[in-house]
Amino acid sequence: MLGGYSGGGRAHKIRLGEMTVEGFSRAPIKSFWRIPELKLGFDLGWQPWEYMGTPRWFITHTHMDHILALPAYAARRQMMDMTPPTVYLPAQKAGDAQMLLNAFTRLDNGRLPCRLVGVMPGDELEISRELVVTVSKTYHSVHSVGYIVWERRKKLKPEYLGLPGPKIRDLKESGVEITYEVRFPRVAYLGDSTVQGLDETPAMYRADVLITEMTFVSPDVTADMLRSAGHIHLDDIVKRQDRFENKMVIAGHFSARYTNHEILTRVHAALPDMLGGRLHLWL
């Protein structure tokens, strides 16, 4: 569109402590993110060569700018003799995604091994001893979900605090459950959704890192348009600015109708302190 997005779209990178967030998102061009330290990524609208080593990907919905690179991802891992990846996506679309891979298998005359796992809101996915991913409901124009990555730790139950080590060991060996699980939301990924997807999943407001869309920033977008398209407006964030407890909020998926200058101008005018310096715009 004239006067809008002018191209580019190279992956960005930012760190929070020992965690790195990499990727890029622009509607309706491409969305792809990964957290290399956690060995997982979100959405496959593009697949930089160096990302293929990430073995798990969580797809929020099957619009082209979020799933286009799925065949390339599977093909590259096959070509480099890596294990087949695991890709999670809305259960209603898992069969269609498999048909997509089957079609490329015929076109390419080569195998595209990939484990597709259909998910529904409320599902819990065990990724490792330390990590669990939960699936949340989102509101878009097609079947969609969001994801939260939780770190889980075992803590000693209060009634056993202060006991000597040998006594705790004996209790554990006798089969007594001496610990309980504590979870910490580390990364929340909304995907494409109205702000209802945030409001109905309060943990998204508490995760260390929240990656959210902010598709629209101009005043000409009505509430009906937002509901129909299934997206968030800058005004939605402004109205909820006191709810964000996150250490970092990354906003992306801006409409291609806007220039970067327009986005920066409108966001800084509406949120001059940028959520206390925690809001980062992915442009």
Foldseek 3Di string as FASTA:
>chain_A
DPQFADDDFAKDWDDDVPWIKIWFAAPPQATKIDTVVLLEIEFPLDDDPVNLSRQEYEYFADDNRRHVCLQVSLVSCVVVVHDAGEYEYAQVCQVVVVVVNVVVCVVVVHHRDHHYHHDDQQDWADDDPFWIKGWHAFAAQDGGIKIWIKGKDKDFDPVCPPPDPVVVVVCVVVPHDGIDMDIATAEIEQPFAECVRCVVPLVLLRHQEYEFEAAEEDPVQDPVNCNNGGHYHLVVCLVCLVSRPHQAYEYHRYHRRHYPVVVVVRNCVSPVCCSVPRYHYRD
